[in-house]
Amino acid sequence: MNKRYTLTLPLELYERLNQTAKFSKKKKAEILRNALENYLDEIEDFAPAIEALEDLKIGNSKKLDNIIKKLKC
C-alpha cells in the first residue's frame, strides 16, 4: 500500500528536481522516491557503525569489536 506525503522544497532544490525530471524523462515523484530509498539504505548501512562509535565514546567497545570481526570475514 502506498502512502502520500507532502513536502516543501527550497526553490533551488525544486528547480534542480525539475531539470533532472526533464533530462531523465522521469516523474519527479519517482526521482524523489529513489533518492529517499537510496538515502535510507545508506543510513541503515552506517547506523551500526555510528552506534558503535557512540558506545566507544562511553568506553564500551563490544559493538565496534563485533563490526570489525564482521568486516574481516
N, C-alpha and C. Protein backbone atom coordinates (compact mmCIF):
# COMPACT_ATOMS: atom_id res chain seq x y z
N MET A 1 0.84 -1.17 0.00
CA MET A 1 0.00 0.00 0.00
C MET A 1 0.89 1.25 0.00
N ASN A 2 0.55 2.21 -0.79
CA ASN A 2 1.29 3.47 -0.87
C ASN A 2 0.66 4.50 0.05
N LYS A 3 1.49 5.36 0.59
CA LYS A 3 1.05 6.47 1.42
C LYS A 3 1.50 7.77 0.77
N ARG A 4 0.69 8.78 0.87
CA ARG A 4 1.02 10.09 0.28
C ARG A 4 1.72 10.94 1.34
N TYR A 5 2.73 11.69 0.88
CA TYR A 5 3.46 12.59 1.77
C TYR A 5 3.71 13.89 1.01
N THR A 6 3.48 15.01 1.66
CA THR A 6 3.69 16.32 1.04
C THR A 6 4.90 16.97 1.69
N LEU A 7 5.73 17.61 0.86
CA LEU A 7 6.88 18.30 1.41
C LEU A 7 7.10 19.63 0.70
N THR A 8 7.82 20.50 1.36
CA THR A 8 8.15 21.80 0.81
C THR A 8 9.65 21.83 0.53
N LEU A 9 10.00 22.27 -0.68
CA LEU A 9 11.41 22.31 -1.08
C LEU A 9 11.87 23.75 -1.27
N PRO A 10 13.12 24.03 -0.95
CA PRO A 10 13.67 25.33 -1.29
C PRO A 10 13.64 25.48 -2.82
N LEU A 11 13.52 26.69 -3.30
CA LEU A 11 13.40 26.95 -4.73
C LEU A 11 14.53 26.32 -5.54
N GLU A 12 15.76 26.45 -5.07
CA GLU A 12 16.89 25.88 -5.80
C GLU A 12 16.78 24.37 -5.95
N LEU A 13 16.39 23.70 -4.88
CA LEU A 13 16.24 22.24 -4.93
C LEU A 13 15.08 21.85 -5.85
N TYR A 14 13.99 22.61 -5.79
CA TYR A 14 12.84 22.37 -6.67
C TYR A 14 13.24 22.51 -8.14
N GLU A 15 14.01 23.53 -8.44
CA GLU A 15 14.46 23.74 -9.82
C GLU A 15 15.39 22.61 -10.28
N ARG A 16 16.26 22.17 -9.40
CA ARG A 16 17.15 21.04 -9.74
C ARG A 16 16.33 19.78 -10.00
N LEU A 17 15.31 19.57 -9.19
CA LEU A 17 14.43 18.41 -9.39
C LEU A 17 13.73 18.50 -10.74
N ASN A 18 13.22 19.67 -11.07
CA ASN A 18 12.57 19.87 -12.38
C ASN A 18 13.53 19.59 -13.53
N GLN A 19 14.74 20.10 -13.45
CA GLN A 19 15.72 19.89 -14.51
C GLN A 19 16.07 18.40 -14.64
N THR A 20 16.22 17.74 -13.52
CA THR A 20 16.54 16.30 -13.53
C THR A 20 15.39 15.51 -14.15
N ALA A 21 14.17 15.88 -13.81
CA ALA A 21 12.99 15.20 -14.36
C ALA A 21 12.92 15.38 -15.87
N LYS A 22 13.18 16.58 -16.33
CA LYS A 22 13.15 16.83 -17.77
C LYS A 22 14.26 16.06 -18.48
N PHE A 23 15.46 16.10 -17.92
CA PHE A 23 16.60 15.44 -18.53
C PHE A 23 16.43 13.92 -18.57
N SER A 24 15.96 13.36 -17.46
CA SER A 24 15.85 11.91 -17.36
C SER A 24 14.52 11.36 -17.88
N LYS A 25 13.58 12.28 -18.15
CA LYS A 25 12.23 11.89 -18.59
C LYS A 25 11.55 10.97 -17.58
N LYS A 26 11.80 11.27 -16.30
CA LYS A 26 11.15 10.54 -15.21
C LYS A 26 10.28 11.51 -14.44
N LYS A 27 9.29 10.96 -13.76
CA LYS A 27 8.43 11.79 -12.94
C LYS A 27 9.18 12.23 -11.69
N LYS A 28 8.86 13.43 -11.23
CA LYS A 28 9.52 13.96 -10.03
C LYS A 28 9.30 13.03 -8.84
N ALA A 29 8.11 12.47 -8.74
CA ALA A 29 7.81 11.56 -7.62
C ALA A 29 8.73 10.34 -7.65
N GLU A 30 9.01 9.83 -8.83
CA GLU A 30 9.89 8.66 -8.95
C GLU A 30 11.32 9.03 -8.53
N ILE A 31 11.78 10.19 -8.95
CA ILE A 31 13.12 10.65 -8.58
C ILE A 31 13.23 10.80 -7.06
N LEU A 32 12.21 11.41 -6.47
CA LEU A 32 12.22 11.60 -5.02
C LEU A 32 12.16 10.27 -4.27
N ARG A 33 11.33 9.35 -4.74
CA ARG A 33 11.26 8.02 -4.09
C ARG A 33 12.61 7.32 -4.16
N ASN A 34 13.24 7.34 -5.33
CA ASN A 34 14.54 6.69 -5.49
C ASN A 34 15.60 7.33 -4.61
N ALA A 35 15.60 8.66 -4.57
CA ALA A 35 16.58 9.37 -3.75
C ALA A 35 16.38 9.06 -2.27
N LEU A 36 15.14 9.04 -1.83
CA LEU A 36 14.85 8.74 -0.43
C LEU A 36 15.23 7.30 -0.09
N GLU A 37 14.90 6.38 -0.97
CA GLU A 37 15.25 4.98 -0.72
C GLU A 37 16.76 4.80 -0.63
N ASN A 38 17.51 5.43 -1.54
CA ASN A 38 18.97 5.34 -1.51
C ASN A 38 19.54 5.95 -0.23
N TYR A 39 18.99 7.09 0.17
CA TYR A 39 19.45 7.75 1.39
C TYR A 39 19.20 6.86 2.61
N LEU A 40 17.99 6.31 2.71
CA LEU A 40 17.66 5.46 3.86
C LEU A 40 18.51 4.19 3.88
N ASP A 41 18.76 3.60 2.71
CA ASP A 41 19.63 2.42 2.64
C ASP A 41 21.02 2.75 3.16
N GLU A 42 21.52 3.90 2.76
CA GLU A 42 22.86 4.32 3.18
C GLU A 42 22.91 4.55 4.69
N ILE A 43 21.91 5.23 5.21
CA ILE A 43 21.86 5.49 6.66
C ILE A 43 21.77 4.18 7.43
N GLU A 44 20.94 3.25 6.95
CA GLU A 44 20.80 1.96 7.62
C GLU A 44 22.11 1.18 7.61
N ASP A 45 22.89 1.32 6.53
CA ASP A 45 24.19 0.65 6.46
C ASP A 45 25.17 1.22 7.49
N PHE A 46 25.11 2.53 7.72
CA PHE A 46 26.04 3.17 8.62
C PHE A 46 25.58 3.17 10.08
N ALA A 47 24.31 2.91 10.33
CA ALA A 47 23.77 3.00 11.69
C ALA A 47 24.52 2.15 12.70
N PRO A 48 24.85 0.88 12.40
CA PRO A 48 25.58 0.09 13.39
C PRO A 48 26.96 0.69 13.72
N ALA A 49 27.63 1.23 12.72
CA ALA A 49 28.95 1.82 12.95
C ALA A 49 28.84 3.08 13.80
N ILE A 50 27.83 3.89 13.52
CA ILE A 50 27.62 5.12 14.29
C ILE A 50 27.29 4.77 15.74
N GLU A 51 26.44 3.78 15.91
CA GLU A 51 26.06 3.34 17.25
C GLU A 51 27.29 2.80 18.00
N ALA A 52 28.13 2.05 17.30
CA ALA A 52 29.33 1.50 17.92
C ALA A 52 30.29 2.62 18.34
N LEU A 53 30.42 3.64 17.52
CA LEU A 53 31.28 4.77 17.87
C LEU A 53 30.74 5.54 19.07
N GLU A 54 29.42 5.67 19.14
CA GLU A 54 28.81 6.33 20.30
C GLU A 54 29.09 5.52 21.57
N ASP A 55 28.99 4.21 21.48
CA ASP A 55 29.30 3.35 22.62
C ASP A 55 30.77 3.45 23.00
N LEU A 56 31.61 3.55 22.00
CA LEU A 56 33.05 3.65 22.24
C LEU A 56 33.38 4.93 23.02
N LYS A 57 32.63 5.99 22.75
CA LYS A 57 32.84 7.25 23.47
C LYS A 57 32.66 7.08 24.97
N ILE A 58 31.75 6.16 25.36
CA ILE A 58 31.50 5.95 26.79
C ILE A 58 32.26 4.73 27.32
N GLY A 59 33.18 4.23 26.52
CA GLY A 59 34.06 3.16 27.00
C GLY A 59 33.63 1.75 26.67
N ASN A 60 32.58 1.56 25.89
CA ASN A 60 32.11 0.22 25.55
C ASN A 60 32.52 -0.08 24.11
N SER A 61 33.41 -1.06 23.94
CA SER A 61 33.92 -1.37 22.59
C SER A 61 33.35 -2.66 22.02
N LYS A 62 32.39 -3.28 22.68
CA LYS A 62 31.86 -4.57 22.22
C LYS A 62 31.26 -4.49 20.82
N LYS A 63 30.43 -3.47 20.56
CA LYS A 63 29.79 -3.35 19.25
C LYS A 63 30.82 -3.09 18.17
N LEU A 64 31.79 -2.25 18.47
CA LEU A 64 32.84 -1.96 17.49
C LEU A 64 33.65 -3.22 17.21
N ASP A 65 33.97 -3.98 18.24
CA ASP A 65 34.69 -5.25 18.05
C ASP A 65 33.90 -6.20 17.15
N ASN A 66 32.59 -6.27 17.34
CA ASN A 66 31.75 -7.13 16.50
C ASN A 66 31.74 -6.68 15.05
N ILE A 67 31.68 -5.38 14.83
CA ILE A 67 31.69 -4.85 13.46
C ILE A 67 33.02 -5.18 12.79
N ILE A 68 34.11 -5.00 13.52
CA ILE A 68 35.44 -5.31 12.96
C ILE A 68 35.54 -6.78 12.60
N LYS A 69 35.01 -7.64 13.45
CA LYS A 69 35.02 -9.09 13.16
C LYS A 69 34.24 -9.38 11.87
N LYS A 70 33.08 -8.75 11.72
CA LYS A 70 32.27 -8.98 10.52
C LYS A 70 32.98 -8.48 9.26
N LEU A 71 33.69 -7.37 9.36
CA LEU A 71 34.40 -6.81 8.22
C LEU A 71 35.57 -7.70 7.80
N LYS A 72 36.16 -8.41 8.74
CA LYS A 72 37.30 -9.26 8.44
C LYS A 72 36.90 -10.57 7.76
N CYS A 73 35.63 -10.93 7.84
CA CYS A 73 35.16 -12.20 7.25
C CYS A 73 35.10 -12.16 5.75
